[in-house]
């Protein structure tokens, strides 16, 4: 607890040092770069199940993941009174996975048992508040033991004249390199990709239209087009054929995805908000899915609220999926990864949010603290628990 207070105090001091400048009296904002907001998000994820892809769709899926994300937003106005925002984010995840430890079947604790992922990103946007337009660009990277990814994105948004509607478009590209680590028993046999790296490219175009219908209702329509090319399998996923032989997962080297979404938020008086979301997804591997999400934040006081939520998800299987020892040599592509199987899932939980006007624990710039818990289940004997905490300094 002492470490927590020292961290909060240090960030509050950082905000104070950036914000201590001559007050703006022009009505156009400061031309000096200043800290606008800082977010710290920490989460713990614990999972259990018995359909590990590493061991061909059987075996333990026990996994833990601790994630921490530090996000800082800075703003300034230029000589033309356009608002520039810079979002610097650094994430660090550390996981342990019993199934990944089985890449080497005889290993007690192999290098793949635990890993740390680091993923920084930088996003810049420029908003012309007079014209209602925003342009943006960003870069990102992600690094772990067997995976390296670089990303870039550009975006544009335009508000309507009455500022009640907005159209936005964004294009993202990711360039990944996968280290080829084959299952232990397939190494050196000439039947599996092992050693070196393989690349994959993902390009996604996103379109969105949001509209304020009236003082109570806001809606949004979302659409994406996603194309992938390259090595889309995972090299250490096993597939056991009906004859007992073991193989490396093999999937097509192209994939096309179309997610379509709709969001509606309804303000029911001063204390209740009903947030709904629906998404339909389709790809050319054979998956079609439906996601329905409902969250109802309830304001208990002016600065304290609770937010129960529920999400239901259903998907069909890819054309190339079959369970343990049900694939045959006549098939061109094959996987026993249950993430690509037919399943339903439920995610149920709640969050509590505290945002007192004088700051959390009386710390002026400590604007908000939010705690969330969720319980996740799949009907294929998998379950997980997620706890997260978000601290906002403003």
Protein backbone atom coordinates (compact mmCIF):
# COMPACT_ATOMS: atom_id res chain seq x y z
CA UNK A 1 0.00 0.00 0.00
CA UNK A 2 2.90 2.35 0.76
CA UNK A 3 4.27 1.79 -2.76
CA UNK A 4 0.82 2.56 -4.22
CA UNK A 5 0.62 5.92 -2.42
CA UNK A 6 4.16 6.86 -3.45
CA UNK A 7 3.31 6.12 -7.09
CA UNK A 8 0.12 8.17 -6.94
CA UNK A 9 1.92 11.04 -5.21
CA UNK A 10 4.74 10.99 -7.78
CA UNK A 11 2.35 11.17 -10.73
CA UNK A 12 0.37 13.95 -9.08
CA UNK A 13 3.60 15.93 -8.67
CA UNK A 14 4.46 15.32 -12.33
CA UNK A 15 1.07 16.66 -13.39
CA UNK A 16 1.47 19.69 -11.15
CA UNK A 17 4.90 20.53 -12.57
CA UNK A 18 3.57 20.42 -16.14
CA UNK A 19 0.44 22.41 -15.39
CA UNK A 20 2.14 25.26 -13.51
CA UNK A 21 2.28 27.83 -16.26
CA UNK A 22 0.71 31.17 -17.10
CA UNK A 23 -3.06 30.75 -17.34
CA UNK A 24 -4.49 30.93 -20.84
CA UNK A 25 -6.55 34.08 -21.38
CA UNK A 26 -6.93 33.95 -25.15
CA UNK A 27 -9.69 31.32 -25.18
CA UNK A 28 -7.63 29.16 -27.55
CA UNK A 29 -5.65 27.07 -25.07
CA UNK A 30 -1.94 26.91 -24.30
CA UNK A 31 0.72 26.66 -27.01
CA UNK A 32 3.00 24.84 -24.60
CA UNK A 33 3.00 21.07 -24.46
CA UNK A 34 1.38 19.96 -21.21
CA UNK A 35 0.23 16.75 -19.58
CA UNK A 36 -3.50 16.33 -19.98
CA UNK A 37 -4.06 12.87 -18.52
CA UNK A 38 -2.18 9.85 -17.17
CA UNK A 39 -3.65 6.35 -16.88
CA UNK A 40 -2.26 3.31 -15.12
CA UNK A 41 -4.02 0.02 -15.80
CA UNK A 42 -3.08 -3.23 -14.08
CA UNK A 43 -4.83 -6.56 -14.51
CA UNK A 44 -4.57 -10.18 -13.49
CA UNK A 45 -5.91 -13.02 -15.66
CA UNK A 46 -6.10 -16.63 -14.50
CA UNK A 47 -7.35 -19.43 -16.77
CA UNK A 48 -8.08 -23.15 -16.54
CA UNK A 49 -9.19 -25.67 -19.16
CA UNK A 50 -8.28 -28.97 -20.81
CA UNK A 51 -8.05 -28.28 -24.57
CA UNK A 52 -4.50 -27.00 -25.04
CA UNK A 53 -3.54 -26.45 -28.69
CA UNK A 54 0.13 -27.08 -27.89
CA UNK A 55 -0.71 -30.71 -27.10
CA UNK A 56 -3.16 -31.23 -29.95
CA UNK A 57 -6.43 -30.15 -28.31
CA UNK A 58 -5.99 -32.06 -25.05
CA UNK A 59 -4.20 -31.26 -21.82
CA UNK A 60 -4.10 -28.36 -19.39
CA UNK A 61 -4.76 -24.77 -20.42
CA UNK A 62 -3.70 -23.35 -17.07
CA UNK A 63 -2.36 -19.85 -17.62
CA UNK A 64 -1.77 -16.68 -15.63
CA UNK A 65 -1.07 -13.22 -17.04
CA UNK A 66 -0.19 -10.00 -15.24
CA UNK A 67 -0.48 -6.91 -17.42
CA UNK A 68 0.49 -3.30 -16.74
CA UNK A 69 -0.14 -0.37 -19.09
CA UNK A 70 1.15 3.17 -18.57
CA UNK A 71 -0.51 5.79 -20.75
CA UNK A 72 0.25 9.52 -20.85
CA UNK A 73 -1.61 12.09 -22.97
CA UNK A 74 -0.07 15.46 -23.79
CA UNK A 75 -1.72 18.40 -25.58
CA UNK A 76 -0.80 21.76 -27.09
CA UNK A 77 -2.26 24.31 -29.51
CA UNK A 78 -0.32 25.60 -32.53
CA UNK A 79 -0.34 29.10 -34.02
CA UNK A 80 -3.47 28.26 -36.02
CA UNK A 81 -5.19 27.20 -32.79
CA UNK A 82 -5.32 23.54 -33.80
CA UNK A 83 -5.19 21.06 -30.95
CA UNK A 84 -2.30 18.58 -31.06
CA UNK A 85 -2.50 15.51 -28.84
CA UNK A 86 0.26 12.98 -28.21
CA UNK A 87 -0.57 9.64 -26.62
CA UNK A 88 2.42 7.65 -25.34
CA UNK A 89 1.63 4.17 -24.10
CA UNK A 90 3.87 1.41 -22.75
CA UNK A 91 2.52 -2.02 -21.85
CA UNK A 92 4.25 -4.93 -20.15
CA UNK A 93 2.67 -8.39 -19.78
CA UNK A 94 4.17 -11.37 -17.98
CA UNK A 95 2.56 -14.78 -18.33
CA UNK A 96 3.13 -18.35 -17.25
CA UNK A 97 1.56 -21.15 -19.30
CA UNK A 98 1.51 -24.84 -18.42
CA UNK A 99 0.52 -25.75 -21.99
CA UNK A 100 3.35 -23.75 -23.60
CA UNK A 101 5.75 -25.65 -21.36
CA UNK A 102 4.75 -28.77 -23.32
CA UNK A 103 6.42 -27.59 -26.55
CA UNK A 104 9.23 -29.74 -25.18
CA UNK A 105 7.40 -32.76 -23.76
CA UNK A 106 10.25 -33.77 -21.46
CA UNK A 107 10.99 -30.30 -20.16
CA UNK A 108 10.38 -29.58 -16.50
CA UNK A 109 10.24 -25.83 -17.03
CA UNK A 110 11.26 -24.84 -20.55
CA UNK A 111 11.90 -21.35 -21.94
CA UNK A 112 8.35 -21.28 -23.28
CA UNK A 113 6.81 -21.78 -19.82
CA UNK A 114 6.95 -18.05 -19.08
CA UNK A 115 7.44 -14.97 -21.21
CA UNK A 116 7.29 -11.20 -21.03
CA UNK A 117 5.73 -9.04 -23.75
CA UNK A 118 6.57 -5.35 -24.12
CA UNK A 119 4.40 -3.20 -26.40
CA UNK A 120 4.99 0.57 -26.63
CA UNK A 121 3.01 2.83 -28.96
CA UNK A 122 2.89 6.50 -29.95
CA UNK A 123 -0.16 8.24 -31.45
CA UNK A 124 -0.43 11.84 -32.67
CA UNK A 125 -3.64 13.63 -33.60
CA UNK A 126 -4.44 17.16 -34.74
CA UNK A 127 -7.95 18.52 -34.25
CA UNK A 128 -9.24 21.62 -35.97
CA UNK A 129 -12.05 22.47 -33.59
CA UNK A 130 -13.40 25.20 -35.87
CA UNK A 131 -13.76 22.86 -38.87
CA UNK A 132 -14.60 19.79 -36.81
CA UNK A 133 -11.87 17.67 -38.41
CA UNK A 134 -9.21 15.45 -36.88
CA UNK A 135 -6.29 13.67 -38.49
CA UNK A 136 -4.13 11.12 -36.69
CA UNK A 137 -1.16 8.80 -37.12
CA UNK A 138 0.55 6.28 -34.92
CA UNK A 139 3.22 3.61 -34.63
CA UNK A 140 3.52 0.60 -32.35
CA UNK A 141 5.66 -2.43 -31.67
CA UNK A 142 5.33 -5.62 -29.66
CA UNK A 143 8.15 -7.94 -28.61
CA UNK A 144 8.22 -11.32 -26.91
CA UNK A 145 10.34 -14.48 -26.99
CA UNK A 146 9.04 -15.88 -30.29
CA UNK A 147 7.21 -12.92 -31.83
CA UNK A 148 7.99 -9.45 -33.11
CA UNK A 149 5.40 -7.02 -34.48
CA UNK A 150 5.53 -3.50 -35.92
CA UNK A 151 2.41 -1.47 -36.61
CA UNK A 152 1.39 1.85 -38.13
CA UNK A 153 -1.93 3.61 -38.57
CA UNK A 154 -3.48 6.75 -40.03
CA UNK A 155 -6.94 8.16 -39.39
CA UNK A 156 -9.39 10.92 -40.28
CA UNK A 157 -12.58 12.12 -38.56
CA UNK A 158 -15.13 14.78 -39.52
CA UNK A 159 -17.96 16.12 -37.36
CA UNK A 160 -21.26 17.38 -38.73
CA UNK A 161 -22.06 21.09 -38.64
CA UNK A 162 -24.22 20.72 -35.54
CA UNK A 163 -21.47 18.58 -33.90
CA UNK A 164 -24.01 15.82 -33.16
CA UNK A 165 -22.57 13.37 -35.66
CA UNK A 166 -19.12 12.21 -36.65
CA UNK A 167 -17.67 10.04 -39.43
CA UNK A 168 -14.26 8.45 -38.93
CA UNK A 169 -11.97 6.26 -41.02
CA UNK A 170 -8.77 4.51 -40.03
CA UNK A 171 -6.24 2.24 -41.73
CA UNK A 172 -3.89 0.03 -39.72
CA UNK A 173 -1.06 -2.22 -40.85
CA UNK A 174 0.91 -4.78 -38.84
CA UNK A 175 4.09 -6.50 -39.97
CA UNK A 176 4.95 -9.54 -37.86
CA UNK A 177 7.78 -12.03 -37.63
CA UNK A 178 7.10 -15.41 -36.01
CA UNK A 179 10.01 -17.46 -34.71
CA UNK A 180 9.61 -21.05 -35.91
CA UNK A 181 9.76 -23.27 -32.85
CA UNK A 182 8.44 -26.72 -33.78
CA UNK A 183 7.24 -29.34 -31.28
CA UNK A 184 10.19 -31.23 -29.88
CA UNK A 185 9.50 -34.55 -31.63
CA UNK A 186 9.21 -32.93 -35.08
CA UNK A 187 12.54 -31.11 -35.05
CA UNK A 188 15.03 -32.33 -37.63
CA UNK A 189 12.51 -34.63 -39.29
CA UNK A 190 11.98 -32.46 -42.38
CA UNK A 191 8.20 -32.60 -41.86
CA UNK A 192 7.80 -29.31 -39.97
CA UNK A 193 8.88 -25.71 -40.22
CA UNK A 194 11.59 -25.30 -37.62
CA UNK A 195 14.23 -22.62 -37.21
CA UNK A 196 14.36 -19.11 -38.61
CA UNK A 197 11.29 -16.88 -38.90
CA UNK A 198 8.21 -16.45 -41.06
CA UNK A 199 6.34 -13.20 -41.72
CA UNK A 200 2.71 -12.18 -41.75
CA UNK A 201 1.03 -8.93 -42.73
CA UNK A 202 -2.32 -7.64 -41.47
CA UNK A 203 -4.10 -4.63 -42.99
CA UNK A 204 -7.33 -3.35 -41.46
CA UNK A 205 -9.62 -0.56 -42.65
CA UNK A 206 -12.16 0.74 -40.11
CA UNK A 207 -15.19 2.97 -40.71
CA UNK A 208 -17.47 4.43 -38.06
CA UNK A 209 -20.46 6.75 -37.87
CA UNK A 210 -21.65 8.06 -34.50
CA UNK A 211 -24.75 10.17 -33.96
CA UNK A 212 -26.46 11.89 -31.06
CA UNK A 213 -30.16 11.20 -31.62
CA UNK A 214 -31.39 13.25 -28.66
CA UNK A 215 -30.32 14.08 -25.11
CA UNK A 216 -30.95 10.47 -24.05
CA UNK A 217 -29.78 8.37 -27.00
CA UNK A 218 -26.46 8.03 -28.81
CA UNK A 219 -25.74 5.41 -31.48
CA UNK A 220 -22.79 4.28 -33.60
CA UNK A 221 -22.30 2.00 -36.62
CA UNK A 222 -18.93 0.26 -37.03
CA UNK A 223 -17.44 -1.69 -39.92
CA UNK A 224 -14.03 -3.25 -40.58
CA UNK A 225 -12.34 -4.97 -43.48
CA UNK A 226 -9.31 -7.04 -42.47
CA UNK A 227 -6.94 -8.96 -44.72
CA UNK A 228 -4.03 -11.15 -43.62
CA UNK A 229 -1.25 -12.77 -45.62
CA UNK A 230 1.71 -14.89 -44.62
CA UNK A 231 2.33 -17.54 -41.98
CA UNK A 232 -0.98 -17.67 -40.08
CA UNK A 233 -0.38 -20.92 -38.18
CA UNK A 234 1.48 -21.27 -34.88
CA UNK A 235 4.54 -23.49 -35.32
CA UNK A 236 4.41 -25.20 -31.91
CA UNK A 237 0.72 -26.24 -32.10
CA UNK A 238 0.42 -30.00 -32.52
CA UNK A 239 -2.22 -31.87 -34.51
CA UNK A 240 -2.68 -35.61 -33.92
CA UNK A 241 -4.08 -37.58 -36.87
CA UNK A 242 -6.42 -40.57 -36.63
CA UNK A 243 -3.46 -42.91 -37.26
CA UNK A 244 -1.69 -41.60 -34.15
CA UNK A 245 0.93 -39.55 -36.01
CA UNK A 246 1.74 -36.01 -34.86
CA UNK A 247 1.97 -32.99 -37.16
CA UNK A 248 2.49 -29.24 -37.00
CA UNK A 249 -0.61 -27.05 -37.33
CA UNK A 250 -1.16 -25.98 -40.95
CA UNK A 251 -3.56 -23.21 -41.99
CA UNK A 252 -4.01 -21.19 -45.23
CA UNK A 253 -1.67 -18.27 -45.79
CA UNK A 254 -4.50 -15.79 -46.44
CA UNK A 255 -7.53 -14.74 -44.40
CA UNK A 256 -10.24 -12.13 -44.93
CA UNK A 257 -12.44 -10.87 -42.08
CA UNK A 258 -15.52 -8.62 -41.94
CA UNK A 259 -16.73 -7.46 -38.49
CA UNK A 260 -19.84 -5.24 -38.36
CA UNK A 261 -20.96 -3.55 -35.15
CA UNK A 262 -23.69 -1.40 -33.64
CA UNK A 263 -23.53 0.51 -30.36
CA UNK A 264 -26.30 2.36 -28.52
CA UNK A 265 -26.10 4.26 -25.22
CA UNK A 266 -29.29 5.37 -23.51
CA UNK A 267 -29.27 7.79 -20.56
CA UNK A 268 -32.15 6.80 -18.30
CA UNK A 269 -32.51 9.78 -15.99
CA UNK A 270 -29.54 11.09 -14.01
CA UNK A 271 -28.46 7.82 -12.43
CA UNK A 272 -28.64 5.08 -15.08
CA UNK A 273 -26.93 4.50 -18.41
CA UNK A 274 -27.78 1.50 -20.59
CA UNK A 275 -24.85 0.65 -22.87
CA UNK A 276 -25.49 -1.97 -25.54
CA UNK A 277 -23.27 -3.41 -28.24
CA UNK A 278 -23.75 -6.01 -30.98
CA UNK A 279 -21.17 -7.34 -33.44
CA UNK A 280 -21.47 -9.77 -36.33
CA UNK A 281 -18.27 -11.33 -37.66
CA UNK A 282 -17.57 -13.41 -40.78
CA UNK A 283 -14.37 -14.69 -42.36
CA UNK A 284 -13.40 -16.93 -45.28
CA UNK A 285 -12.10 -19.68 -42.98
CA UNK A 286 -15.69 -20.51 -42.05
CA UNK A 287 -16.15 -18.65 -38.76
CA UNK A 288 -19.28 -16.61 -38.20
CA UNK A 289 -19.92 -15.15 -34.78
CA UNK A 290 -22.28 -12.99 -32.77
CA UNK A 291 -21.37 -10.82 -29.79
CA UNK A 292 -23.94 -9.16 -27.52
CA UNK A 293 -22.79 -6.89 -24.70
CA UNK A 294 -24.80 -5.07 -22.04
CA UNK A 295 -23.45 -2.76 -19.35
CA UNK A 296 -25.56 -0.67 -16.95
CA UNK A 297 -23.57 1.93 -14.98
CA UNK A 298 -25.52 3.08 -11.92
CA UNK A 299 -24.58 6.35 -10.22
CA UNK A 300 -24.88 5.83 -6.46
CA UNK A 301 -23.61 9.31 -5.62
CA UNK A 302 -22.19 12.15 -7.71
CA UNK A 303 -18.75 10.54 -7.57
CA UNK A 304 -19.38 6.83 -6.95
CA UNK A 305 -20.90 4.34 -9.41
CA UNK A 306 -21.15 0.60 -10.07
CA UNK A 307 -21.30 -1.00 -13.53
CA UNK A 308 -22.58 -4.58 -13.86
CA UNK A 309 -21.93 -6.06 -17.30
CA UNK A 310 -22.62 -9.20 -19.32
CA UNK A 311 -21.33 -10.40 -22.68
CA UNK A 312 -22.49 -13.40 -24.71
CA UNK A 313 -20.46 -14.75 -27.62
CA UNK A 314 -21.15 -17.55 -30.08
CA UNK A 315 -19.05 -18.75 -33.02
CA UNK A 316 -18.97 -21.53 -35.57
CA UNK A 317 -15.79 -23.51 -36.26
CA UNK A 318 -13.28 -22.94 -39.04
CA UNK A 319 -13.37 -25.43 -41.90
CA UNK A 320 -10.01 -26.83 -40.84
CA UNK A 321 -10.76 -27.71 -37.19
CA UNK A 322 -11.08 -31.21 -35.79
CA UNK A 323 -10.47 -32.54 -32.24
CA UNK A 324 -7.65 -34.79 -31.10
CA UNK A 325 -6.96 -37.72 -33.50
CA UNK A 326 -9.77 -36.89 -35.91
CA UNK A 327 -7.78 -35.34 -38.78
CA UNK A 328 -6.62 -37.50 -41.68
CA UNK A 329 -3.75 -37.35 -44.16
CA UNK A 330 -6.18 -36.44 -46.97
CA UNK A 331 -6.71 -32.96 -45.51
CA UNK A 332 -4.66 -30.04 -46.84
CA UNK A 333 -5.11 -27.84 -43.75
CA UNK A 334 -5.62 -28.88 -40.14
CA UNK A 335 -5.79 -27.49 -36.60
CA UNK A 336 -6.95 -28.70 -33.18
CA UNK A 337 -6.93 -25.22 -31.65
CA UNK A 338 -10.22 -24.90 -29.75
CA UNK A 339 -10.16 -21.11 -30.17
CA UNK A 340 -11.12 -21.94 -33.77
CA UNK A 341 -13.82 -24.44 -32.80
CA UNK A 342 -17.57 -24.06 -32.36
CA UNK A 343 -18.31 -22.68 -28.87
CA UNK A 344 -20.35 -20.28 -26.75
CA UNK A 345 -18.91 -18.04 -24.05
CA UNK A 346 -20.26 -15.91 -21.22
CA UNK A 347 -18.50 -13.03 -19.49
CA UNK A 348 -20.16 -11.65 -16.35
CA UNK A 349 -18.90 -9.11 -13.86
CA UNK A 350 -19.03 -5.62 -12.45
CA UNK A 351 -16.93 -2.54 -11.92
CA UNK A 352 -16.86 0.15 -9.25
CA UNK A 353 -15.73 3.68 -10.01
CA UNK A 354 -14.69 6.41 -7.58
CA UNK A 355 -14.09 9.97 -8.86
CA UNK A 356 -14.44 12.48 -5.98
CA UNK A 357 -14.30 16.20 -6.91
CA UNK A 358 -11.34 16.84 -4.60
CA UNK A 359 -9.39 13.84 -5.85
CA UNK A 360 -9.04 10.27 -4.64
CA UNK A 361 -7.73 10.21 -1.05
CA UNK A 362 -7.64 14.01 -1.21
CA UNK A 363 -4.92 14.01 -3.91
CA UNK A 364 -6.07 16.75 -6.29
CA UNK A 365 -4.76 15.32 -9.56
CA UNK A 366 -5.69 11.74 -8.65
CA UNK A 367 -8.90 11.98 -10.64
CA UNK A 368 -10.36 8.46 -10.65
CA UNK A 369 -9.91 4.86 -9.54
CA UNK A 370 -11.85 1.97 -11.07
CA UNK A 371 -11.86 -1.71 -10.11
CA UNK A 372 -13.40 -4.40 -12.33
CA UNK A 373 -13.91 -8.13 -11.94
CA UNK A 374 -15.18 -10.56 -14.56
CA UNK A 375 -15.75 -14.31 -14.73
CA UNK A 376 -15.37 -15.86 -18.18
CA UNK A 377 -16.62 -19.30 -19.22
CA UNK A 378 -16.71 -21.32 -22.45
CA UNK A 379 -18.95 -24.35 -22.98
CA UNK A 380 -15.85 -26.36 -23.94
CA UNK A 381 -14.65 -26.71 -20.35
CA UNK A 382 -12.64 -23.50 -20.05
CA UNK A 383 -13.00 -20.73 -17.48
CA UNK A 384 -11.08 -17.66 -16.40
CA UNK A 385 -11.15 -14.82 -13.87
CA UNK A 386 -10.05 -11.28 -14.62
CA UNK A 387 -9.35 -8.48 -12.11
CA UNK A 388 -8.26 -5.03 -13.25
CA UNK A 389 -7.57 -1.63 -11.74
CA UNK A 390 -7.47 1.71 -13.60
CA UNK A 391 -5.97 4.84 -12.03
CA UNK A 392 -6.50 8.17 -13.79
CA UNK A 393 -4.54 11.33 -13.08
CA UNK A 394 -5.70 14.56 -14.68
